[in-house]
């Protein structure tokens, strides 16, 4: 194997490791965006990239605004949020939801 081939193989491996690490379950991920819908035990968040992510809530999910702990009833469509979540069995489970500093104004849908 030539030096050039060895270098190329090593470079591919080095670049592939971070991509594989991002895909593993159990690691905390984050999405920034706005709440698109709240339905029972889950919500949809539209990220700043325009993609919508379904996030599940459970009793362990901590919801805060300015460091004050809130109930799930505080989650409203249009709220700006930062959601820390883990992937577990093909589901995104919310660990922490931080609401924006100002509550969302009522949003009308056409």
C-alpha atoms as a PDB file:
ATOM      1  CA  UNK A   1       0.000   0.000   0.000  1.00  0.00           C
ATOM      2  CA  UNK A   2       1.443   3.343  -0.981  1.00  0.00           C
ATOM      3  CA  UNK A   3       1.831   6.250   1.408  1.00  0.00           C
ATOM      4  CA  UNK A   4      -0.851   8.166  -0.462  1.00  0.00           C
ATOM      5  CA  UNK A   5      -3.351   5.297  -0.061  1.00  0.00           C
ATOM      6  CA  UNK A   6      -2.541   4.926   3.630  1.00  0.00           C
ATOM      7  CA  UNK A   7      -2.994   8.661   4.179  1.00  0.00           C
ATOM      8  CA  UNK A   8      -6.333   8.639   2.337  1.00  0.00           C
ATOM      9  CA  UNK A   9      -7.587   5.660   4.375  1.00  0.00           C
ATOM     10  CA  UNK A  10      -6.514   7.318   7.637  1.00  0.00           C
ATOM     11  CA  UNK A  11      -8.178  10.590   6.668  1.00  0.00           C
ATOM     12  CA  UNK A  12     -11.444   8.808   5.859  1.00  0.00           C
ATOM     13  CA  UNK A  13     -11.391   7.020   9.228  1.00  0.00           C
ATOM     14  CA  UNK A  14     -10.691  10.240  11.142  1.00  0.00           C
ATOM     15  CA  UNK A  15     -13.547  12.052   9.396  1.00  0.00           C
ATOM     16  CA  UNK A  16     -15.962   9.133   9.832  1.00  0.00           C
ATOM     17  CA  UNK A  17     -15.542   8.801  13.616  1.00  0.00           C
ATOM     18  CA  UNK A  18     -17.245  12.110  14.560  1.00  0.00           C
ATOM     19  CA  UNK A  19     -20.162  11.365  12.210  1.00  0.00           C
ATOM     20  CA  UNK A  20     -20.663   7.948  13.784  1.00  0.00           C
ATOM     21  CA  UNK A  21     -20.479   9.421  17.282  1.00  0.00           C
ATOM     22  CA  UNK A  22     -23.288  11.884  16.504  1.00  0.00           C
ATOM     23  CA  UNK A  23     -25.585   9.059  15.443  1.00  0.00           C
ATOM     24  CA  UNK A  24     -25.270   6.970  18.616  1.00  0.00           C
ATOM     25  CA  UNK A  25     -28.196   6.718  20.988  1.00  0.00           C
ATOM     26  CA  UNK A  26     -27.785   8.033  24.507  1.00  0.00           C
ATOM     27  CA  UNK A  27     -25.868  11.199  23.644  1.00  0.00           C
ATOM     28  CA  UNK A  28     -27.501  14.528  24.422  1.00  0.00           C
ATOM     29  CA  UNK A  29     -28.496  16.544  21.360  1.00  0.00           C
ATOM     30  CA  UNK A  30     -29.913  20.065  21.161  1.00  0.00           C
ATOM     31  CA  UNK A  31     -32.383  21.839  18.916  1.00  0.00           C
ATOM     32  CA  UNK A  32     -33.072  25.575  18.890  1.00  0.00           C
ATOM     33  CA  UNK A  33     -36.293  26.811  17.356  1.00  0.00           C
ATOM     34  CA  UNK A  34     -39.983  27.391  17.959  1.00  0.00           C
ATOM     35  CA  UNK A  35     -42.782  25.113  19.098  1.00  0.00           C
ATOM     36  CA  UNK A  36     -44.958  24.140  16.141  1.00  0.00           C
ATOM     37  CA  UNK A  37     -47.432  21.981  18.086  1.00  0.00           C
ATOM     38  CA  UNK A  38     -48.064  20.564  21.538  1.00  0.00           C
ATOM     39  CA  UNK A  39     -50.022  17.316  21.668  1.00  0.00           C
ATOM     40  CA  UNK A  40     -50.223  15.504  24.986  1.00  0.00           C
ATOM     41  CA  UNK A  41     -46.866  13.940  25.774  1.00  0.00           C
ATOM     42  CA  UNK A  42     -45.001  15.280  22.748  1.00  0.00           C
ATOM     43  CA  UNK A  43     -44.244  18.477  20.917  1.00  0.00           C
ATOM     44  CA  UNK A  44     -42.958  19.401  17.509  1.00  0.00           C
ATOM     45  CA  UNK A  45     -40.113  21.900  17.326  1.00  0.00           C
ATOM     46  CA  UNK A  46     -39.217  23.692  14.109  1.00  0.00           C
ATOM     47  CA  UNK A  47     -35.461  24.169  14.215  1.00  0.00           C
ATOM     48  CA  UNK A  48     -33.627  27.198  12.921  1.00  0.00           C
ATOM     49  CA  UNK A  49     -32.737  25.059   9.897  1.00  0.00           C
ATOM     50  CA  UNK A  50     -36.461  24.702   9.080  1.00  0.00           C
ATOM     51  CA  UNK A  51     -36.696  20.999   9.945  1.00  0.00           C
ATOM     52  CA  UNK A  52     -39.402  19.823  12.358  1.00  0.00           C
ATOM     53  CA  UNK A  53     -38.432  17.428  15.141  1.00  0.00           C
ATOM     54  CA  UNK A  54     -40.878  15.382  17.246  1.00  0.00           C
ATOM     55  CA  UNK A  55     -39.801  15.354  20.903  1.00  0.00           C
ATOM     56  CA  UNK A  56     -41.402  13.214  23.620  1.00  0.00           C
ATOM     57  CA  UNK A  57     -41.947  14.472  27.185  1.00  0.00           C
ATOM     58  CA  UNK A  58     -41.945  12.408  30.378  1.00  0.00           C
ATOM     59  CA  UNK A  59     -41.939  12.963  34.133  1.00  0.00           C
ATOM     60  CA  UNK A  60     -38.167  13.587  34.074  1.00  0.00           C
ATOM     61  CA  UNK A  61     -38.365  16.446  31.536  1.00  0.00           C
ATOM     62  CA  UNK A  62     -37.387  19.741  33.168  1.00  0.00           C
ATOM     63  CA  UNK A  63     -39.036  22.852  31.719  1.00  0.00           C
ATOM     64  CA  UNK A  64     -37.658  26.281  32.676  1.00  0.00           C
ATOM     65  CA  UNK A  65     -37.847  29.969  31.777  1.00  0.00           C
ATOM     66  CA  UNK A  66     -35.117  32.216  33.186  1.00  0.00           C
ATOM     67  CA  UNK A  67     -34.152  29.461  35.633  1.00  0.00           C
ATOM     68  CA  UNK A  68     -37.690  29.109  37.021  1.00  0.00           C
ATOM     69  CA  UNK A  69     -39.132  25.610  36.793  1.00  0.00           C
ATOM     70  CA  UNK A  70     -42.475  25.410  34.936  1.00  0.00           C
ATOM     71  CA  UNK A  71     -45.157  22.846  34.209  1.00  0.00           C
ATOM     72  CA  UNK A  72     -45.763  21.371  30.742  1.00  0.00           C
ATOM     73  CA  UNK A  73     -48.804  23.655  30.421  1.00  0.00           C
ATOM     74  CA  UNK A  74     -46.338  26.515  29.809  1.00  0.00           C
ATOM     75  CA  UNK A  75     -45.459  25.014  26.410  1.00  0.00           C
ATOM     76  CA  UNK A  76     -47.311  27.039  23.778  1.00  0.00           C
ATOM     77  CA  UNK A  77     -47.204  27.147  19.994  1.00  0.00           C
ATOM     78  CA  UNK A  78     -44.834  29.880  18.856  1.00  0.00           C
ATOM     79  CA  UNK A  79     -42.599  29.760  21.955  1.00  0.00           C
ATOM     80  CA  UNK A  80     -38.879  29.995  21.297  1.00  0.00           C
ATOM     81  CA  UNK A  81     -37.162  26.989  22.845  1.00  0.00           C
ATOM     82  CA  UNK A  82     -33.900  25.198  23.365  1.00  0.00           C
ATOM     83  CA  UNK A  83     -34.467  21.468  23.815  1.00  0.00           C
ATOM     84  CA  UNK A  84     -31.855  19.027  25.102  1.00  0.00           C
ATOM     85  CA  UNK A  85     -32.871  15.497  24.118  1.00  0.00           C
ATOM     86  CA  UNK A  86     -31.523  11.979  23.763  1.00  0.00           C
ATOM     87  CA  UNK A  87     -32.388   9.435  21.123  1.00  0.00           C
ATOM     88  CA  UNK A  88     -33.801   6.290  22.687  1.00  0.00           C
ATOM     89  CA  UNK A  89     -35.251   3.473  20.583  1.00  0.00           C
ATOM     90  CA  UNK A  90     -35.873   5.773  17.603  1.00  0.00           C
ATOM     91  CA  UNK A  91     -37.614   8.350  19.812  1.00  0.00           C
ATOM     92  CA  UNK A  92     -36.337  11.763  20.882  1.00  0.00           C
ATOM     93  CA  UNK A  93     -36.819  12.073  24.652  1.00  0.00           C
ATOM     94  CA  UNK A  94     -36.644  15.618  26.059  1.00  0.00           C
ATOM     95  CA  UNK A  95     -34.362  16.005  29.065  1.00  0.00           C
ATOM     96  CA  UNK A  96     -34.555  19.803  29.405  1.00  0.00           C
ATOM     97  CA  UNK A  97     -36.617  22.476  27.684  1.00  0.00           C
ATOM     98  CA  UNK A  98     -35.638  26.113  28.116  1.00  0.00           C
ATOM     99  CA  UNK A  99     -38.273  28.609  27.030  1.00  0.00           C
ATOM    100  CA  UNK A 100     -37.381  32.017  25.605  1.00  0.00           C
ATOM    101  CA  UNK A 101     -37.418  35.006  27.932  1.00  0.00           C
ATOM    102  CA  UNK A 102     -40.657  36.465  26.570  1.00  0.00           C
ATOM    103  CA  UNK A 103     -43.802  34.341  26.319  1.00  0.00           C
ATOM    104  CA  UNK A 104     -45.064  33.761  22.796  1.00  0.00           C
ATOM    105  CA  UNK A 105     -47.748  36.042  21.478  1.00  0.00           C
ATOM    106  CA  UNK A 106     -50.863  34.259  20.177  1.00  0.00           C
ATOM    107  CA  UNK A 107     -50.267  33.066  16.633  1.00  0.00           C
ATOM    108  CA  UNK A 108     -52.967  32.759  14.039  1.00  0.00           C
ATOM    109  CA  UNK A 109     -52.940  30.053  11.410  1.00  0.00           C
ATOM    110  CA  UNK A 110     -54.285  30.570   7.916  1.00  0.00           C
END
